[in-house]
Amino acid sequence: MTYDDAIKALSSDALKFVKDDYVIGLGSGRAATALVKSLAKLIKLKGYNVRGVPTSLQIKLIAEKGRIPLVEADQVEYIDVVFDGADQIDSQKYVIKGGGGALLRENILFSLAKKVVVMADKTKFVKNFTRTVPVEIHPLARNSVTNSIKKLGGDAEIRSLDRGYPFFTENGNIVLDCDFGTIKNPKALTQKIKQTAGVLESGIFLRKPDIIYKAKENGKFDII
């Protein structure tokens, strides 16, 4: 049994939060992919009339393959439930997202959601954040934001592709991966980051999940 087995199991369990006529936020990444595949089967089985709001082209393609009707975030007033993964989850239940570069769209969905369900494997859970914080910025603000991050005690690097080309988000922006060491006050830090001109989004989300699934190595999971 592996984390993948647990993620597959929890993605099926999480569908209990889906009802007919729901608008559903579809996050990005491994756990969200498993959820979307399970959701497609549920819709077909029960004949549900739901609409999905994708956060990335990656998840949009998977949803289209499963014939899930899709709309954009600006076409809905609210989202009934968002399903997404996380890069790290701390003891205060804050999450870091953006490892795949979809942080701006993901946070928009979080802000629209009545309920947020986050799914992650056991390795993503920490007492305090220790990984880099993705920050989506306008390309023109590259130097100014880098300097601002330094003043906040961080070390910022532009995210690059394997061949050295800068990584661009689906919004046409770039991402700075910012190392702040151990982060004990994520709320204060992300508020300061977002006050910087040129910053579009911080990977530390202030909206905490309502429900968290923790996948374990034995193929089982906990619900927090």
C-alpha atoms as a PDB file:
ATOM      1  CA  MET A   1       0.000   0.000   0.000  1.00  0.00           C
ATOM      2  CA  THR A   2       1.230   3.505  -0.807  1.00  0.00           C
ATOM      3  CA  TYR A   3       0.247   7.158  -0.502  1.00  0.00           C
ATOM      4  CA  ASP A   4      -1.283   6.833  -3.978  1.00  0.00           C
ATOM      5  CA  ASP A   5      -3.619   4.112  -2.685  1.00  0.00           C
ATOM      6  CA  ALA A   6      -4.686   6.370   0.186  1.00  0.00           C
ATOM      7  CA  ILE A   7      -5.192   9.355  -2.117  1.00  0.00           C
ATOM      8  CA  LYS A   8      -7.373   7.258  -4.403  1.00  0.00           C
ATOM      9  CA  ALA A   9      -9.427   6.112  -1.404  1.00  0.00           C
ATOM     10  CA  LEU A  10      -9.817   9.561   0.126  1.00  0.00           C
ATOM     11  CA  SER A  11     -10.740  11.125  -3.218  1.00  0.00           C
ATOM     12  CA  SER A  12     -13.712   8.767  -3.349  1.00  0.00           C
ATOM     13  CA  ASP A  13     -14.636   9.517   0.273  1.00  0.00           C
ATOM     14  CA  ALA A  14     -14.458  13.285  -0.329  1.00  0.00           C
ATOM     15  CA  LEU A  15     -17.231  13.014  -2.905  1.00  0.00           C
ATOM     16  CA  LYS A  16     -19.700  12.815  -0.012  1.00  0.00           C
ATOM     17  CA  PHE A  17     -19.437  16.621   0.043  1.00  0.00           C
ATOM     18  CA  VAL A  18     -20.779  16.835  -3.523  1.00  0.00           C
ATOM     19  CA  LYS A  19     -24.496  17.298  -4.173  1.00  0.00           C
ATOM     20  CA  ASP A  20     -26.610  17.751  -7.292  1.00  0.00           C
ATOM     21  CA  ASP A  21     -26.479  21.239  -8.868  1.00  0.00           C
ATOM     22  CA  TYR A  22     -23.208  22.096  -7.066  1.00  0.00           C
ATOM     23  CA  VAL A  23     -20.503  24.360  -8.430  1.00  0.00           C
ATOM     24  CA  ILE A  24     -17.227  22.580  -7.665  1.00  0.00           C
ATOM     25  CA  GLY A  25     -13.746  24.079  -7.595  1.00  0.00           C
ATOM     26  CA  LEU A  26     -11.172  21.762  -9.130  1.00  0.00           C
ATOM     27  CA  GLY A  27      -7.660  22.272  -7.781  1.00  0.00           C
ATOM     28  CA  SER A  28      -4.433  21.145  -9.405  1.00  0.00           C
ATOM     29  CA  GLY A  29      -1.929  18.390  -8.681  1.00  0.00           C
ATOM     30  CA  ARG A  30      -1.924  14.687  -7.846  1.00  0.00           C
ATOM     31  CA  ALA A  31      -4.714  14.613  -5.255  1.00  0.00           C
ATOM     32  CA  ALA A  32      -6.968  16.902  -7.274  1.00  0.00           C
ATOM     33  CA  THR A  33      -6.421  14.750 -10.354  1.00  0.00           C
ATOM     34  CA  ALA A  34      -7.598  11.657  -8.464  1.00  0.00           C
ATOM     35  CA  LEU A  35     -10.618  13.589  -7.186  1.00  0.00           C
ATOM     36  CA  VAL A  36     -11.625  14.780 -10.653  1.00  0.00           C
ATOM     37  CA  LYS A  37     -11.469  11.244 -12.048  1.00  0.00           C
ATOM     38  CA  SER A  38     -13.666  10.000  -9.185  1.00  0.00           C
ATOM     39  CA  LEU A  39     -16.026  12.948  -9.676  1.00  0.00           C
ATOM     40  CA  ALA A  40     -16.498  12.104 -13.355  1.00  0.00           C
ATOM     41  CA  LYS A  41     -17.593   8.580 -12.390  1.00  0.00           C
ATOM     42  CA  LEU A  42     -19.990   9.912  -9.730  1.00  0.00           C
ATOM     43  CA  ILE A  43     -21.655  12.322 -12.180  1.00  0.00           C
ATOM     44  CA  LYS A  44     -22.171   9.529 -14.687  1.00  0.00           C
ATOM     45  CA  LEU A  45     -23.490   7.129 -12.031  1.00  0.00           C
ATOM     46  CA  LYS A  46     -25.943   9.499 -10.334  1.00  0.00           C
ATOM     47  CA  GLY A  47     -26.726  11.811 -13.225  1.00  0.00           C
ATOM     48  CA  TYR A  48     -25.710  14.872 -11.236  1.00  0.00           C
ATOM     49  CA  ASN A  49     -25.947  18.289 -12.870  1.00  0.00           C
ATOM     50  CA  VAL A  50     -22.789  19.961 -11.588  1.00  0.00           C
ATOM     51  CA  ARG A  51     -20.345  22.519 -12.936  1.00  0.00           C
ATOM     52  CA  GLY A  52     -16.611  22.441 -12.372  1.00  0.00           C
ATOM     53  CA  VAL A  53     -14.318  25.466 -12.105  1.00  0.00           C
ATOM     54  CA  PRO A  54     -10.756  24.468 -13.073  1.00  0.00           C
ATOM     55  CA  THR A  55      -7.650  26.158 -11.683  1.00  0.00           C
ATOM     56  CA  SER A  56      -5.294  25.118 -14.476  1.00  0.00           C
ATOM     57  CA  LEU A  57      -5.160  23.768 -18.003  1.00  0.00           C
ATOM     58  CA  GLN A  58      -3.810  20.509 -16.567  1.00  0.00           C
ATOM     59  CA  ILE A  59      -6.948  19.867 -14.531  1.00  0.00           C
ATOM     60  CA  LYS A  60      -9.212  21.324 -17.242  1.00  0.00           C
ATOM     61  CA  LEU A  61      -8.021  18.666 -19.709  1.00  0.00           C
ATOM     62  CA  ILE A  62      -8.671  15.873 -17.195  1.00  0.00           C
ATOM     63  CA  ALA A  63     -12.134  17.257 -16.423  1.00  0.00           C
ATOM     64  CA  GLU A  64     -12.961  17.546 -20.120  1.00  0.00           C
ATOM     65  CA  LYS A  65     -11.901  13.943 -20.638  1.00  0.00           C
ATOM     66  CA  GLY A  66     -14.311  12.956 -17.862  1.00  0.00           C
ATOM     67  CA  ARG A  67     -17.035  15.067 -19.527  1.00  0.00           C
ATOM     68  CA  ILE A  68     -17.465  17.336 -16.503  1.00  0.00           C
ATOM     69  CA  PRO A  69     -19.224  20.585 -17.555  1.00  0.00           C
ATOM     70  CA  LEU A  70     -16.896  23.533 -16.912  1.00  0.00           C
ATOM     71  CA  VAL A  71     -17.229  27.258 -16.257  1.00  0.00           C
ATOM     72  CA  GLU A  72     -14.739  29.982 -15.317  1.00  0.00           C
ATOM     73  CA  ALA A  73     -14.519  31.613 -11.892  1.00  0.00           C
ATOM     74  CA  ASP A  74     -15.870  34.914 -13.219  1.00  0.00           C
ATOM     75  CA  GLN A  75     -19.068  33.176 -14.343  1.00  0.00           C
ATOM     76  CA  VAL A  76     -20.196  32.154 -10.856  1.00  0.00           C
ATOM     77  CA  GLU A  77     -21.108  34.088  -7.711  1.00  0.00           C
ATOM     78  CA  TYR A  78     -19.832  31.386  -5.387  1.00  0.00           C
ATOM     79  CA  ILE A  79     -18.427  27.859  -5.300  1.00  0.00           C
ATOM     80  CA  ASP A  80     -20.119  25.251  -3.139  1.00  0.00           C
ATOM     81  CA  VAL A  81     -16.964  23.228  -2.463  1.00  0.00           C
ATOM     82  CA  VAL A  82     -13.336  23.382  -3.596  1.00  0.00           C
ATOM     83  CA  PHE A  83     -11.136  20.285  -3.673  1.00  0.00           C
ATOM     84  CA  ASP A  84      -7.392  20.905  -3.804  1.00  0.00           C
ATOM     85  CA  GLY A  85      -4.010  19.663  -2.653  1.00  0.00           C
ATOM     86  CA  ALA A  86      -1.244  21.415  -0.710  1.00  0.00           C
ATOM     87  CA  ASP A  87       2.537  21.625  -0.768  1.00  0.00           C
ATOM     88  CA  GLN A  88       2.721  21.980   3.028  1.00  0.00           C
ATOM     89  CA  ILE A  89       0.226  22.229   5.887  1.00  0.00           C
ATOM     90  CA  ASP A  90       1.357  23.629   9.233  1.00  0.00           C
ATOM     91  CA  SER A  91       0.060  23.021  12.764  1.00  0.00           C
ATOM     92  CA  GLN A  92      -2.167  26.119  12.511  1.00  0.00           C
ATOM     93  CA  LYS A  93      -3.812  24.602   9.388  1.00  0.00           C
ATOM     94  CA  TYR A  94      -2.435  27.222   7.029  1.00  0.00           C
ATOM     95  CA  VAL A  95      -1.401  25.830   3.645  1.00  0.00           C
ATOM     96  CA  ILE A  96       1.361  26.625   1.174  1.00  0.00           C
ATOM     97  CA  LYS A  97       0.340  26.191  -2.445  1.00  0.00           C
ATOM     98  CA  GLY A  98       1.781  27.068  -5.824  1.00  0.00           C
ATOM     99  CA  GLY A  99       4.259  24.288  -6.466  1.00  0.00           C
ATOM    100  CA  GLY A 100       2.586  23.817  -9.840  1.00  0.00           C
ATOM    101  CA  GLY A 101       2.249  27.542 -10.458  1.00  0.00           C
ATOM    102  CA  ALA A 102      -1.550  27.866 -10.178  1.00  0.00           C
ATOM    103  CA  LEU A 103      -1.583  29.768  -6.868  1.00  0.00           C
ATOM    104  CA  LEU A 104      -3.419  32.880  -8.077  1.00  0.00           C
ATOM    105  CA  ARG A 105      -6.314  30.948  -9.588  1.00  0.00           C
ATOM    106  CA  GLU A 106      -6.402  28.532  -6.657  1.00  0.00           C
ATOM    107  CA  ASN A 107      -6.653  31.351  -4.120  1.00  0.00           C
ATOM    108  CA  ILE A 108      -9.447  32.994  -6.108  1.00  0.00           C
ATOM    109  CA  LEU A 109     -11.403  29.740  -5.847  1.00  0.00           C
ATOM    110  CA  PHE A 110     -10.649  29.516  -2.115  1.00  0.00           C
ATOM    111  CA  SER A 111     -12.105  33.018  -1.673  1.00  0.00           C
ATOM    112  CA  LEU A 112     -15.307  32.059  -3.516  1.00  0.00           C
ATOM    113  CA  ALA A 113     -15.818  28.765  -1.703  1.00  0.00           C
ATOM    114  CA  LYS A 114     -18.410  27.932   0.918  1.00  0.00           C
ATOM    115  CA  LYS A 115     -16.288  24.912   1.843  1.00  0.00           C
ATOM    116  CA  VAL A 116     -12.614  24.094   1.172  1.00  0.00           C
ATOM    117  CA  VAL A 117     -11.421  20.482   1.236  1.00  0.00           C
ATOM    118  CA  VAL A 118      -7.639  19.950   1.096  1.00  0.00           C
ATOM    119  CA  MET A 119      -6.074  16.560   0.406  1.00  0.00           C
ATOM    120  CA  ALA A 120      -2.394  15.767   1.000  1.00  0.00           C
ATOM    121  CA  ASP A 121      -0.113  12.921   1.991  1.00  0.00           C
ATOM    122  CA  LYS A 122       1.466  12.606   5.424  1.00  0.00           C
ATOM    123  CA  THR A 123       4.824  14.067   4.292  1.00  0.00           C
ATOM    124  CA  LYS A 124       3.205  17.476   3.656  1.00  0.00           C
ATOM    125  CA  PHE A 125       2.281  18.020   7.330  1.00  0.00           C
ATOM    126  CA  VAL A 126       4.744  20.057   9.441  1.00  0.00           C
ATOM    127  CA  LYS A 127       4.765  21.999  12.702  1.00  0.00           C
ATOM    128  CA  ASN A 128       6.045  25.160  10.983  1.00  0.00           C
ATOM    129  CA  PHE A 129       6.496  25.866   7.278  1.00  0.00           C
ATOM    130  CA  THR A 130       9.983  25.029   6.049  1.00  0.00           C
ATOM    131  CA  ARG A 131       9.649  24.967   2.261  1.00  0.00           C
ATOM    132  CA  THR A 132       9.970  27.912  -0.110  1.00  0.00           C
ATOM    133  CA  VAL A 133       6.965  30.171  -0.568  1.00  0.00           C
ATOM    134  CA  PRO A 134       5.868  30.654  -4.198  1.00  0.00           C
ATOM    135  CA  VAL A 135       5.038  34.279  -5.007  1.00  0.00           C
ATOM    136  CA  GLU A 136       3.402  35.139  -8.333  1.00  0.00           C
ATOM    137  CA  ILE A 137       4.513  38.547  -9.598  1.00  0.00           C
ATOM    138  CA  HIS A 138       4.303  40.743 -12.670  1.00  0.00           C
ATOM    139  CA  PRO A 139       7.509  40.372 -14.736  1.00  0.00           C
ATOM    140  CA  LEU A 140       8.208  44.124 -14.494  1.00  0.00           C
ATOM    141  CA  ALA A 141       8.380  43.838 -10.695  1.00  0.00           C
ATOM    142  CA  ARG A 142      11.099  41.159 -10.704  1.00  0.00           C
ATOM    143  CA  ASN A 143      13.858  43.261  -9.151  1.00  0.00           C
ATOM    144  CA  SER A 144      11.702  45.376  -6.845  1.00  0.00           C
ATOM    145  CA  VAL A 145       9.906  42.386  -5.346  1.00  0.00           C
ATOM    146  CA  THR A 146      13.173  40.456  -4.982  1.00  0.00           C
ATOM    147  CA  ASN A 147      14.565  43.369  -2.961  1.00  0.00           C
ATOM    148  CA  SER A 148      11.407  43.570  -0.866  1.00  0.00           C
ATOM    149  CA  ILE A 149      11.602  39.854  -0.110  1.00  0.00           C
ATOM    150  CA  LYS A 150      15.201  40.337   1.079  1.00  0.00           C
ATOM    151  CA  LYS A 151      14.047  43.082   3.454  1.00  0.00           C
ATOM    152  CA  LEU A 152      11.521  40.587   4.866  1.00  0.00           C
ATOM    153  CA  GLY A 153      14.339  38.128   5.532  1.00  0.00           C
ATOM    154  CA  GLY A 154      13.855  35.936   2.497  1.00  0.00           C
ATOM    155  CA  ASP A 155      15.963  34.802  -0.445  1.00  0.00           C
ATOM    156  CA  ALA A 156      14.055  34.880  -3.758  1.00  0.00           C
ATOM    157  CA  GLU A 157      14.834  32.915  -6.921  1.00  0.00           C
ATOM    158  CA  ILE A 158      12.970  33.048 -10.221  1.00  0.00           C
ATOM    159  CA  ARG A 159      11.371  29.706 -10.985  1.00  0.00           C
ATOM    160  CA  SER A 160      12.898  28.217 -14.131  1.00  0.00           C
ATOM    161  CA  LEU A 161      12.191  25.308 -16.443  1.00  0.00           C
ATOM    162  CA  ASP A 162      14.681  22.468 -16.919  1.00  0.00           C
ATOM    163  CA  ARG A 163      16.519  24.261 -19.728  1.00  0.00           C
ATOM    164  CA  GLY A 164      16.831  27.486 -17.798  1.00  0.00           C
ATOM    165  CA  TYR A 165      13.931  29.390 -19.347  1.00  0.00           C
ATOM    166  CA  PRO A 166      11.771  31.315 -16.872  1.00  0.00           C
ATOM    167  CA  PHE A 167       8.566  29.579 -15.816  1.00  0.00           C
ATOM    168  CA  PHE A 168       5.451  31.557 -16.769  1.00  0.00           C
ATOM    169  CA  THR A 169       2.078  31.000 -15.136  1.00  0.00           C
ATOM    170  CA  GLU A 170      -1.086  30.631 -17.197  1.00  0.00           C
ATOM    171  CA  ASN A 171      -1.699  34.301 -16.335  1.00  0.00           C
ATOM    172  CA  GLY A 172       1.524  35.391 -18.051  1.00  0.00           C
ATOM    173  CA  ASN A 173       3.340  36.121 -14.793  1.00  0.00           C
ATOM    174  CA  ILE A 174       6.528  34.755 -13.237  1.00  0.00           C
ATOM    175  CA  VAL A 175       7.009  33.008  -9.896  1.00  0.00           C
ATOM    176  CA  LEU A 176       9.597  33.759  -7.239  1.00  0.00           C
ATOM    177  CA  ASP A 177      10.340  30.849  -4.902  1.00  0.00           C
ATOM    178  CA  CYS A 178      11.190  32.564  -1.618  1.00  0.00           C
ATOM    179  CA  ASP A 179      13.150  30.898   1.177  1.00  0.00           C
ATOM    180  CA  PHE A 180      12.335  32.337   4.607  1.00  0.00           C
ATOM    181  CA  GLY A 181      13.698  29.390   6.582  1.00  0.00           C
ATOM    182  CA  THR A 182      11.282  28.278   9.305  1.00  0.00           C
ATOM    183  CA  ILE A 183       8.062  30.323   9.228  1.00  0.00           C
ATOM    184  CA  LYS A 184       6.374  30.653  12.604  1.00  0.00           C
ATOM    185  CA  ASN A 185       3.920  33.441  11.750  1.00  0.00           C
ATOM    186  CA  PRO A 186       2.654  32.701   8.229  1.00  0.00           C
ATOM    187  CA  LYS A 187      -0.279  35.119   8.432  1.00  0.00           C
ATOM    188  CA  ALA A 188       1.880  38.154   9.171  1.00  0.00           C
ATOM    189  CA  LEU A 189       4.438  37.164   6.545  1.00  0.00           C
ATOM    190  CA  THR A 190       1.954  36.692   3.718  1.00  0.00           C
ATOM    191  CA  GLN A 191       0.228  39.978   4.571  1.00  0.00           C
ATOM    192  CA  LYS A 192       3.567  41.784   4.211  1.00  0.00           C
ATOM    193  CA  ILE A 193       4.378  39.988   0.952  1.00  0.00           C
ATOM    194  CA  LYS A 194       1.016  40.941  -0.566  1.00  0.00           C
ATOM    195  CA  GLN A 195       1.491  44.606   0.320  1.00  0.00           C
ATOM    196  CA  THR A 196       4.407  44.760  -2.134  1.00  0.00           C
ATOM    197  CA  ALA A 197       3.685  46.427  -5.482  1.00  0.00           C
ATOM    198  CA  GLY A 198       3.824  43.900  -8.323  1.00  0.00           C
ATOM    199  CA  VAL A 199       2.869  40.901  -6.176  1.00  0.00           C
ATOM    200  CA  LEU A 200      -0.227  39.147  -7.526  1.00  0.00           C
ATOM    201  CA  GLU A 201      -0.411  36.329  -4.988  1.00  0.00           C
ATOM    202  CA  SER A 202       1.441  34.648  -2.131  1.00  0.00           C
ATOM    203  CA  GLY A 203       1.552  30.876  -1.816  1.00  0.00           C
ATOM    204  CA  ILE A 204       0.612  31.080   1.872  1.00  0.00           C
ATOM    205  CA  PHE A 205      -3.189  31.124   1.809  1.00  0.00           C
ATOM    206  CA  LEU A 206      -4.991  32.990   4.584  1.00  0.00           C
ATOM    207  CA  ARG A 207      -8.228  31.031   4.038  1.00  0.00           C
ATOM    208  CA  LYS A 208      -7.806  27.830   6.017  1.00  0.00           C
ATOM    209  CA  PRO A 209      -9.352  24.563   4.818  1.00  0.00           C
ATOM    210  CA  ASP A 210     -12.614  23.470   6.422  1.00  0.00           C
ATOM    211  CA  ILE A 211     -11.677  19.801   6.029  1.00  0.00           C
ATOM    212  CA  ILE A 212      -8.231  18.232   5.599  1.00  0.00           C
ATOM    213  CA  TYR A 213      -7.554  14.701   4.405  1.00  0.00           C
ATOM    214  CA  LYS A 214      -4.211  13.176   5.409  1.00  0.00           C
ATOM    215  CA  ALA A 215      -3.110  10.206   3.291  1.00  0.00           C
ATOM    216  CA  LYS A 216      -1.027   7.595   5.137  1.00  0.00           C
ATOM    217  CA  GLU A 217       1.490   5.013   3.924  1.00  0.00           C
ATOM    218  CA  ASN A 218      -0.748   2.068   4.744  1.00  0.00           C
ATOM    219  CA  GLY A 219      -3.266   3.145   2.117  1.00  0.00           C
ATOM    220  CA  LYS A 220      -5.598   4.645   4.711  1.00  0.00           C
ATOM    221  CA  PHE A 221      -6.308   8.273   5.614  1.00  0.00           C
ATOM    222  CA  ASP A 222      -7.296  10.568   8.474  1.00  0.00           C
ATOM    223  CA  ILE A 223      -9.822  13.386   8.322  1.00  0.00           C
ATOM    224  CA  ILE A 224      -8.910  16.546  10.228  1.00  0.00           C
END
